[in-house]
């Protein structure tokens, strides 16, 4: 019974930003849980193809690489068209691709603000919208399709780091999650968001430059550590599988308790 709850057998999934970091971990989790096919996207063709090859070799399902820059509407449309050509349905969409822009107030450029908004907020909305026909094709009251948006605790609390556009984009993504969840529930699609705290990714490398600052941050986090691969795997798998069948419109802080003290 319990293994069935978390099973991804016969599921077809798409994870944006899947070549490394959280996206790779989630792709690995879905394949380990029995997904038939997991598509992963990234701008770097060599990186995404390497990851797809490694995950396919390690698991029974197929991991398929697709290349594109989802900060442009042309590539959002191309990705949706390519998935539609390859598949007649989609069970799980994870909007994970994202970026930040670090600059103090007074020095934030308009083009930097727009780049973050385009990838973190605009593209998840329009990609989801484009893929609604596939997401609803096989969805039913007994087995919903799933959208998981990757937000951030920076969209929940006032972040002291100078990442203004990133913080706003993630807060917007959280609210978009609630809006889409309400609308798409009528079509048997669940929409939730994961709001990670500190995980070891390219976007958090700056936080380790100052060893003293890093140790002080660990001391502030109630669980005194950063998140690891299993942490994101477990929550993503729960939301994507029948284990999360009665959850929609939720923003799950995955942060070791950071939002309790900030």
C-alpha atoms as a PDB file:
ATOM      1  CA  UNK A   1       0.000   0.000   0.000  1.00  0.00           C
ATOM      2  CA  UNK A   2       2.643   2.547   1.018  1.00  0.00           C
ATOM      3  CA  UNK A   3       4.898   1.844  -2.005  1.00  0.00           C
ATOM      4  CA  UNK A   4       1.863   2.289  -4.269  1.00  0.00           C
ATOM      5  CA  UNK A   5       1.173   5.712  -2.767  1.00  0.00           C
ATOM      6  CA  UNK A   6       4.584   6.969  -3.852  1.00  0.00           C
ATOM      7  CA  UNK A   7       4.754   5.070  -7.138  1.00  0.00           C
ATOM      8  CA  UNK A   8       5.341   6.962 -10.390  1.00  0.00           C
ATOM      9  CA  UNK A   9       4.748   3.903 -12.551  1.00  0.00           C
ATOM     10  CA  UNK A  10       3.519   4.698 -16.057  1.00  0.00           C
ATOM     11  CA  UNK A  11       3.978   8.435 -15.532  1.00  0.00           C
ATOM     12  CA  UNK A  12       5.362  10.893 -18.065  1.00  0.00           C
ATOM     13  CA  UNK A  13       7.035  13.959 -16.578  1.00  0.00           C
ATOM     14  CA  UNK A  14       8.698  17.195 -17.646  1.00  0.00           C
ATOM     15  CA  UNK A  15      11.162  19.054 -15.421  1.00  0.00           C
ATOM     16  CA  UNK A  16      12.560  22.393 -16.552  1.00  0.00           C
ATOM     17  CA  UNK A  17      16.057  23.241 -15.432  1.00  0.00           C
ATOM     18  CA  UNK A  18      16.738  19.553 -14.977  1.00  0.00           C
ATOM     19  CA  UNK A  19      20.415  19.184 -15.830  1.00  0.00           C
ATOM     20  CA  UNK A  20      21.716  19.837 -12.301  1.00  0.00           C
ATOM     21  CA  UNK A  21      20.791  20.851  -8.785  1.00  0.00           C
ATOM     22  CA  UNK A  22      17.217  20.439  -7.611  1.00  0.00           C
ATOM     23  CA  UNK A  23      15.947  19.587 -11.085  1.00  0.00           C
ATOM     24  CA  UNK A  24      18.335  16.674 -11.450  1.00  0.00           C
ATOM     25  CA  UNK A  25      17.462  15.373  -7.985  1.00  0.00           C
ATOM     26  CA  UNK A  26      13.737  15.434  -8.790  1.00  0.00           C
ATOM     27  CA  UNK A  27      14.269  13.689 -12.127  1.00  0.00           C
ATOM     28  CA  UNK A  28      16.250  11.006 -10.322  1.00  0.00           C
ATOM     29  CA  UNK A  29      13.469  10.594  -7.750  1.00  0.00           C
ATOM     30  CA  UNK A  30      10.729  10.205 -10.349  1.00  0.00           C
ATOM     31  CA  UNK A  31      12.739   7.643 -12.310  1.00  0.00           C
ATOM     32  CA  UNK A  32      13.642   5.695  -9.180  1.00  0.00           C
ATOM     33  CA  UNK A  33       9.931   5.617  -8.319  1.00  0.00           C
ATOM     34  CA  UNK A  34       9.125   4.034 -11.688  1.00  0.00           C
ATOM     35  CA  UNK A  35       8.321   6.897 -14.080  1.00  0.00           C
ATOM     36  CA  UNK A  36       8.283   5.764 -17.690  1.00  0.00           C
ATOM     37  CA  UNK A  37       9.778   8.943 -19.151  1.00  0.00           C
ATOM     38  CA  UNK A  38      11.186  12.080 -17.604  1.00  0.00           C
ATOM     39  CA  UNK A  39      12.022  14.959 -19.922  1.00  0.00           C
ATOM     40  CA  UNK A  40      14.558  17.454 -18.612  1.00  0.00           C
ATOM     41  CA  UNK A  41      15.426  20.831 -20.128  1.00  0.00           C
ATOM     42  CA  UNK A  42      18.375  23.212 -19.914  1.00  0.00           C
ATOM     43  CA  UNK A  43      20.098  25.827 -22.041  1.00  0.00           C
ATOM     44  CA  UNK A  44      23.372  23.901 -22.120  1.00  0.00           C
ATOM     45  CA  UNK A  45      22.910  20.994 -24.541  1.00  0.00           C
ATOM     46  CA  UNK A  46      26.047  19.148 -23.421  1.00  0.00           C
ATOM     47  CA  UNK A  47      25.100  19.332 -19.744  1.00  0.00           C
ATOM     48  CA  UNK A  48      21.481  18.265 -20.151  1.00  0.00           C
ATOM     49  CA  UNK A  49      22.373  15.401 -22.483  1.00  0.00           C
ATOM     50  CA  UNK A  50      25.028  14.150 -20.064  1.00  0.00           C
ATOM     51  CA  UNK A  51      22.571  14.198 -17.165  1.00  0.00           C
ATOM     52  CA  UNK A  52      19.891  12.428 -19.204  1.00  0.00           C
ATOM     53  CA  UNK A  53      22.352   9.707 -20.172  1.00  0.00           C
ATOM     54  CA  UNK A  54      23.496   9.176 -16.596  1.00  0.00           C
ATOM     55  CA  UNK A  55      19.974   8.987 -15.187  1.00  0.00           C
ATOM     56  CA  UNK A  56      18.749   6.657 -17.930  1.00  0.00           C
ATOM     57  CA  UNK A  57      21.660   4.329 -17.277  1.00  0.00           C
ATOM     58  CA  UNK A  58      21.015   4.346 -13.530  1.00  0.00           C
ATOM     59  CA  UNK A  59      17.242   3.787 -13.665  1.00  0.00           C
ATOM     60  CA  UNK A  60      14.693   1.674 -15.538  1.00  0.00           C
ATOM     61  CA  UNK A  61      12.861   4.617 -17.115  1.00  0.00           C
ATOM     62  CA  UNK A  62      14.036   6.951 -19.860  1.00  0.00           C
ATOM     63  CA  UNK A  63      15.426  10.404 -19.154  1.00  0.00           C
ATOM     64  CA  UNK A  64      15.223  12.534 -22.286  1.00  0.00           C
ATOM     65  CA  UNK A  65      17.154  15.766 -22.826  1.00  0.00           C
ATOM     66  CA  UNK A  66      15.627  18.836 -24.470  1.00  0.00           C
ATOM     67  CA  UNK A  67      17.551  22.059 -25.026  1.00  0.00           C
ATOM     68  CA  UNK A  68      16.069  25.542 -24.807  1.00  0.00           C
ATOM     69  CA  UNK A  69      16.156  28.941 -23.134  1.00  0.00           C
ATOM     70  CA  UNK A  70      12.835  29.242 -21.340  1.00  0.00           C
ATOM     71  CA  UNK A  71      13.352  32.930 -20.656  1.00  0.00           C
ATOM     72  CA  UNK A  72      12.116  33.518 -24.220  1.00  0.00           C
ATOM     73  CA  UNK A  73       8.533  32.975 -25.289  1.00  0.00           C
ATOM     74  CA  UNK A  74       9.733  31.402 -28.547  1.00  0.00           C
ATOM     75  CA  UNK A  75      11.506  28.633 -26.669  1.00  0.00           C
ATOM     76  CA  UNK A  76       8.548  28.161 -24.311  1.00  0.00           C
ATOM     77  CA  UNK A  77       6.345  27.595 -27.361  1.00  0.00           C
ATOM     78  CA  UNK A  78       8.960  25.313 -28.961  1.00  0.00           C
ATOM     79  CA  UNK A  79       9.205  23.184 -25.826  1.00  0.00           C
ATOM     80  CA  UNK A  80       5.435  22.825 -25.569  1.00  0.00           C
ATOM     81  CA  UNK A  81       5.257  21.912 -29.266  1.00  0.00           C
ATOM     82  CA  UNK A  82       8.038  19.335 -28.947  1.00  0.00           C
ATOM     83  CA  UNK A  83       6.424  17.640 -25.963  1.00  0.00           C
ATOM     84  CA  UNK A  84       3.101  17.632 -27.825  1.00  0.00           C
ATOM     85  CA  UNK A  85       4.738  15.968 -30.810  1.00  0.00           C
ATOM     86  CA  UNK A  86       6.338  13.278 -28.657  1.00  0.00           C
ATOM     87  CA  UNK A  87       3.520  12.608 -26.171  1.00  0.00           C
ATOM     88  CA  UNK A  88      -0.279  12.490 -26.210  1.00  0.00           C
ATOM     89  CA  UNK A  89      -0.445  13.332 -22.487  1.00  0.00           C
ATOM     90  CA  UNK A  90       1.656  14.666 -19.632  1.00  0.00           C
ATOM     91  CA  UNK A  91       1.235  13.569 -16.029  1.00  0.00           C
ATOM     92  CA  UNK A  92       3.650  15.840 -14.175  1.00  0.00           C
ATOM     93  CA  UNK A  93       5.107  19.267 -14.979  1.00  0.00           C
ATOM     94  CA  UNK A  94       7.778  20.727 -12.702  1.00  0.00           C
ATOM     95  CA  UNK A  95       8.522  24.410 -13.304  1.00  0.00           C
ATOM     96  CA  UNK A  96      12.000  24.472 -11.829  1.00  0.00           C
ATOM     97  CA  UNK A  97      14.147  26.602 -14.167  1.00  0.00           C
ATOM     98  CA  UNK A  98      15.103  29.846 -12.512  1.00  0.00           C
ATOM     99  CA  UNK A  99      17.745  32.489 -12.009  1.00  0.00           C
ATOM    100  CA  UNK A 100      18.679  35.324  -9.675  1.00  0.00           C
ATOM    101  CA  UNK A 101      20.239  38.777  -9.940  1.00  0.00           C
ATOM    102  CA  UNK A 102      22.370  40.062  -7.094  1.00  0.00           C
ATOM    103  CA  UNK A 103      22.676  43.856  -6.821  1.00  0.00           C
ATOM    104  CA  UNK A 104      22.181  46.405  -4.035  1.00  0.00           C
ATOM    105  CA  UNK A 105      19.205  48.727  -4.058  1.00  0.00           C
ATOM    106  CA  UNK A 106      20.044  51.628  -6.349  1.00  0.00           C
ATOM    107  CA  UNK A 107      22.068  49.455  -8.725  1.00  0.00           C
ATOM    108  CA  UNK A 108      19.423  47.001  -9.947  1.00  0.00           C
ATOM    109  CA  UNK A 109      19.277  47.314 -13.767  1.00  0.00           C
ATOM    110  CA  UNK A 110      15.981  47.035 -15.623  1.00  0.00           C
ATOM    111  CA  UNK A 111      17.319  44.322 -17.922  1.00  0.00           C
ATOM    112  CA  UNK A 112      18.387  42.267 -14.889  1.00  0.00           C
ATOM    113  CA  UNK A 113      14.953  42.631 -13.303  1.00  0.00           C
ATOM    114  CA  UNK A 114      13.290  41.563 -16.559  1.00  0.00           C
ATOM    115  CA  UNK A 115      15.551  38.533 -17.050  1.00  0.00           C
ATOM    116  CA  UNK A 116      14.614  37.193 -13.629  1.00  0.00           C
ATOM    117  CA  UNK A 117      10.895  37.873 -14.050  1.00  0.00           C
ATOM    118  CA  UNK A 118      10.828  36.317 -17.512  1.00  0.00           C
ATOM    119  CA  UNK A 119      12.359  33.017 -16.418  1.00  0.00           C
ATOM    120  CA  UNK A 120      11.044  32.717 -12.862  1.00  0.00           C
ATOM    121  CA  UNK A 121       7.472  33.930 -13.308  1.00  0.00           C
ATOM    122  CA  UNK A 122       6.452  34.518 -16.910  1.00  0.00           C
ATOM    123  CA  UNK A 123       7.691  31.268 -18.431  1.00  0.00           C
ATOM    124  CA  UNK A 124       6.123  28.946 -15.780  1.00  0.00           C
ATOM    125  CA  UNK A 125       2.731  30.545 -16.391  1.00  0.00           C
ATOM    126  CA  UNK A 126       2.861  30.357 -20.165  1.00  0.00           C
ATOM    127  CA  UNK A 127       4.445  26.895 -20.268  1.00  0.00           C
ATOM    128  CA  UNK A 128       1.731  25.584 -17.964  1.00  0.00           C
ATOM    129  CA  UNK A 129      -0.914  27.268 -20.089  1.00  0.00           C
ATOM    130  CA  UNK A 130       0.509  25.741 -23.283  1.00  0.00           C
ATOM    131  CA  UNK A 131       0.585  22.276 -21.725  1.00  0.00           C
ATOM    132  CA  UNK A 132      -2.936  22.250 -20.263  1.00  0.00           C
ATOM    133  CA  UNK A 133      -4.269  20.073 -23.135  1.00  0.00           C
ATOM    134  CA  UNK A 134      -1.641  17.412 -22.354  1.00  0.00           C
ATOM    135  CA  UNK A 135      -2.006  17.724 -18.591  1.00  0.00           C
ATOM    136  CA  UNK A 136      -5.775  17.246 -18.774  1.00  0.00           C
ATOM    137  CA  UNK A 137      -5.762  14.505 -21.433  1.00  0.00           C
ATOM    138  CA  UNK A 138      -5.439  11.586 -19.018  1.00  0.00           C
ATOM    139  CA  UNK A 139      -6.273  13.343 -15.737  1.00  0.00           C
ATOM    140  CA  UNK A 140      -9.175  12.000 -13.716  1.00  0.00           C
ATOM    141  CA  UNK A 141     -10.760  12.380 -10.302  1.00  0.00           C
ATOM    142  CA  UNK A 142      -8.968   9.200  -9.214  1.00  0.00           C
ATOM    143  CA  UNK A 143      -5.561  10.187 -10.632  1.00  0.00           C
ATOM    144  CA  UNK A 144      -4.927  13.886 -11.063  1.00  0.00           C
ATOM    145  CA  UNK A 145      -2.176  15.331 -13.189  1.00  0.00           C
ATOM    146  CA  UNK A 146       0.272  17.494 -11.297  1.00  0.00           C
ATOM    147  CA  UNK A 147       2.064  20.816 -11.612  1.00  0.00           C
ATOM    148  CA  UNK A 148       4.836  21.593  -9.148  1.00  0.00           C
ATOM    149  CA  UNK A 149       6.296  25.096  -9.093  1.00  0.00           C
ATOM    150  CA  UNK A 150       9.648  25.617  -7.425  1.00  0.00           C
ATOM    151  CA  UNK A 151       9.387  28.795  -5.385  1.00  0.00           C
ATOM    152  CA  UNK A 152      11.595  29.892  -2.515  1.00  0.00           C
ATOM    153  CA  UNK A 153      11.434  30.973   1.092  1.00  0.00           C
ATOM    154  CA  UNK A 154      12.701  34.282  -0.324  1.00  0.00           C
ATOM    155  CA  UNK A 155       9.139  34.688  -1.572  1.00  0.00           C
ATOM    156  CA  UNK A 156       7.760  34.142   1.948  1.00  0.00           C
ATOM    157  CA  UNK A 157      10.035  36.162   4.247  1.00  0.00           C
ATOM    158  CA  UNK A 158      11.899  39.463   3.849  1.00  0.00           C
ATOM    159  CA  UNK A 159      15.241  38.285   2.496  1.00  0.00           C
ATOM    160  CA  UNK A 160      18.230  40.370   3.682  1.00  0.00           C
ATOM    161  CA  UNK A 161      20.228  39.450   0.555  1.00  0.00           C
ATOM    162  CA  UNK A 162      20.138  41.943  -2.349  1.00  0.00           C
ATOM    163  CA  UNK A 163      18.090  39.716  -4.667  1.00  0.00           C
ATOM    164  CA  UNK A 164      15.072  41.961  -5.108  1.00  0.00           C
ATOM    165  CA  UNK A 165      13.714  40.664  -8.419  1.00  0.00           C
ATOM    166  CA  UNK A 166      14.254  37.038  -7.364  1.00  0.00           C
ATOM    167  CA  UNK A 167      12.303  37.516  -4.141  1.00  0.00           C
ATOM    168  CA  UNK A 168       9.403  39.231  -5.888  1.00  0.00           C
ATOM    169  CA  UNK A 169       9.328  36.642  -8.678  1.00  0.00           C
ATOM    170  CA  UNK A 170       9.050  33.794  -6.167  1.00  0.00           C
ATOM    171  CA  UNK A 171       6.302  35.518  -4.177  1.00  0.00           C
ATOM    172  CA  UNK A 172       4.438  35.965  -7.457  1.00  0.00           C
ATOM    173  CA  UNK A 173       5.000  32.316  -8.346  1.00  0.00           C
ATOM    174  CA  UNK A 174       3.519  31.257  -5.010  1.00  0.00           C
ATOM    175  CA  UNK A 175       0.367  33.281  -5.614  1.00  0.00           C
ATOM    176  CA  UNK A 176       0.158  32.071  -9.204  1.00  0.00           C
ATOM    177  CA  UNK A 177       0.267  28.534  -7.793  1.00  0.00           C
ATOM    178  CA  UNK A 178      -2.832  29.229  -5.707  1.00  0.00           C
ATOM    179  CA  UNK A 179      -4.687  30.797  -8.636  1.00  0.00           C
ATOM    180  CA  UNK A 180      -3.882  27.935 -11.005  1.00  0.00           C
ATOM    181  CA  UNK A 181      -4.738  25.362  -8.345  1.00  0.00           C
ATOM    182  CA  UNK A 182      -8.202  26.835  -7.932  1.00  0.00           C
ATOM    183  CA  UNK A 183      -8.897  26.954 -11.672  1.00  0.00           C
ATOM    184  CA  UNK A 184      -7.328  23.641 -12.680  1.00  0.00           C
ATOM    185  CA  UNK A 185      -8.861  21.636  -9.831  1.00  0.00           C
ATOM    186  CA  UNK A 186     -12.024  21.541 -11.943  1.00  0.00           C
ATOM    187  CA  UNK A 187     -10.001  19.728 -14.619  1.00  0.00           C
ATOM    188  CA  UNK A 188      -8.326  17.246 -12.254  1.00  0.00           C
ATOM    189  CA  UNK A 189      -4.930  18.965 -12.159  1.00  0.00           C
ATOM    190  CA  UNK A 190      -3.295  19.610  -8.775  1.00  0.00           C
ATOM    191  CA  UNK A 191      -0.930  22.603  -8.507  1.00  0.00           C
ATOM    192  CA  UNK A 192       1.438  23.042  -5.561  1.00  0.00           C
ATOM    193  CA  UNK A 193       4.740  24.779  -4.904  1.00  0.00           C
ATOM    194  CA  UNK A 194       7.871  23.864  -3.009  1.00  0.00           C
ATOM    195  CA  UNK A 195       9.632  26.803  -1.376  1.00  0.00           C
ATOM    196  CA  UNK A 196      13.194  25.626  -0.686  1.00  0.00           C
ATOM    197  CA  UNK A 197      15.501  27.248   1.785  1.00  0.00           C
ATOM    198  CA  UNK A 198      19.236  26.767   1.441  1.00  0.00           C
ATOM    199  CA  UNK A 199      20.287  23.947  -0.861  1.00  0.00           C
ATOM    200  CA  UNK A 200      23.681  23.489  -2.492  1.00  0.00           C
ATOM    201  CA  UNK A 201      23.091  24.851  -6.016  1.00  0.00           C
ATOM    202  CA  UNK A 202      24.785  27.274  -8.390  1.00  0.00           C
ATOM    203  CA  UNK A 203      22.587  30.095  -7.096  1.00  0.00           C
ATOM    204  CA  UNK A 204      23.720  29.603  -3.481  1.00  0.00           C
ATOM    205  CA  UNK A 205      27.471  29.423  -4.094  1.00  0.00           C
ATOM    206  CA  UNK A 206      27.842  33.051  -3.012  1.00  0.00           C
ATOM    207  CA  UNK A 207      26.682  32.123   0.497  1.00  0.00           C
ATOM    208  CA  UNK A 208      29.755  29.921   1.033  1.00  0.00           C
ATOM    209  CA  UNK A 209      32.354  32.516   0.022  1.00  0.00           C
ATOM    210  CA  UNK A 210      32.569  33.843   3.588  1.00  0.00           C
ATOM    211  CA  UNK A 211      33.186  30.839   5.906  1.00  0.00           C
ATOM    212  CA  UNK A 212      32.258  32.821   9.018  1.00  0.00           C
ATOM    213  CA  UNK A 213      29.021  34.021   7.444  1.00  0.00           C
ATOM    214  CA  UNK A 214      28.225  30.476   6.305  1.00  0.00           C
ATOM    215  CA  UNK A 215      28.697  29.089   9.817  1.00  0.00           C
ATOM    216  CA  UNK A 216      26.583  31.901  11.265  1.00  0.00           C
ATOM    217  CA  UNK A 217      23.793  31.051   8.837  1.00  0.00           C
ATOM    218  CA  UNK A 218      23.931  27.372   9.788  1.00  0.00           C
ATOM    219  CA  UNK A 219      23.655  28.376  13.424  1.00  0.00           C
ATOM    220  CA  UNK A 220      20.556  30.452  12.628  1.00  0.00           C
ATOM    221  CA  UNK A 221      18.740  27.639  10.781  1.00  0.00           C
ATOM    222  CA  UNK A 222      16.849  25.643  13.445  1.00  0.00           C
ATOM    223  CA  UNK A 223      18.013  22.320  11.969  1.00  0.00           C
ATOM    224  CA  UNK A 224      21.581  23.681  11.560  1.00  0.00           C
ATOM    225  CA  UNK A 225      22.126  22.387   8.029  1.00  0.00           C
ATOM    226  CA  UNK A 226      21.316  22.995   4.385  1.00  0.00           C
ATOM    227  CA  UNK A 227      18.957  20.756   2.450  1.00  0.00           C
ATOM    228  CA  UNK A 228      20.301  17.787   0.505  1.00  0.00           C
ATOM    229  CA  UNK A 229      19.218  15.642  -2.440  1.00  0.00           C
ATOM    230  CA  UNK A 230      16.951  13.359  -0.412  1.00  0.00           C
ATOM    231  CA  UNK A 231      15.116  16.323   1.081  1.00  0.00           C
ATOM    232  CA  UNK A 232      13.919  17.652  -2.278  1.00  0.00           C
ATOM    233  CA  UNK A 233      13.388  14.149  -3.667  1.00  0.00           C
ATOM    234  CA  UNK A 234      11.004  13.176  -0.884  1.00  0.00           C
ATOM    235  CA  UNK A 235       8.773  16.257  -1.045  1.00  0.00           C
ATOM    236  CA  UNK A 236       8.664  16.369  -4.851  1.00  0.00           C
ATOM    237  CA  UNK A 237       7.789  12.688  -5.018  1.00  0.00           C
ATOM    238  CA  UNK A 238       5.041  13.114  -2.448  1.00  0.00           C
ATOM    239  CA  UNK A 239       3.449  15.968  -4.405  1.00  0.00           C
ATOM    240  CA  UNK A 240       3.776  14.199  -7.757  1.00  0.00           C
ATOM    241  CA  UNK A 241       2.374  10.859  -6.622  1.00  0.00           C
ATOM    242  CA  UNK A 242      -0.859   9.655  -5.056  1.00  0.00           C
ATOM    243  CA  UNK A 243       0.675  10.384  -1.645  1.00  0.00           C
ATOM    244  CA  UNK A 244      -0.279  14.015  -2.264  1.00  0.00           C
ATOM    245  CA  UNK A 245      -3.634  13.310  -3.886  1.00  0.00           C
ATOM    246  CA  UNK A 246      -5.610  15.596  -1.519  1.00  0.00           C
ATOM    247  CA  UNK A 247      -3.222  18.545  -1.714  1.00  0.00           C
ATOM    248  CA  UNK A 248      -3.521  21.494  -4.059  1.00  0.00           C
ATOM    249  CA  UNK A 249      -2.740  25.198  -3.850  1.00  0.00           C
ATOM    250  CA  UNK A 250      -0.162  24.682  -1.100  1.00  0.00           C
ATOM    251  CA  UNK A 251       3.244  26.317  -0.670  1.00  0.00           C
ATOM    252  CA  UNK A 252       5.514  23.905   1.202  1.00  0.00           C
ATOM    253  CA  UNK A 253       8.498  25.550   2.894  1.00  0.00           C
ATOM    254  CA  UNK A 254      11.402  23.097   2.681  1.00  0.00           C
ATOM    255  CA  UNK A 255      13.864  25.040   4.769  1.00  0.00           C
ATOM    256  CA  UNK A 256      14.944  23.306   7.958  1.00  0.00           C
ATOM    257  CA  UNK A 257      12.787  25.722   9.912  1.00  0.00           C
ATOM    258  CA  UNK A 258      14.305  28.947   8.558  1.00  0.00           C
ATOM    259  CA  UNK A 259      10.933  30.633   8.132  1.00  0.00           C
ATOM    260  CA  UNK A 260      10.280  30.092  11.832  1.00  0.00           C
ATOM    261  CA  UNK A 261      13.002  32.548  12.767  1.00  0.00           C
ATOM    262  CA  UNK A 262      13.122  35.023   9.871  1.00  0.00           C
END
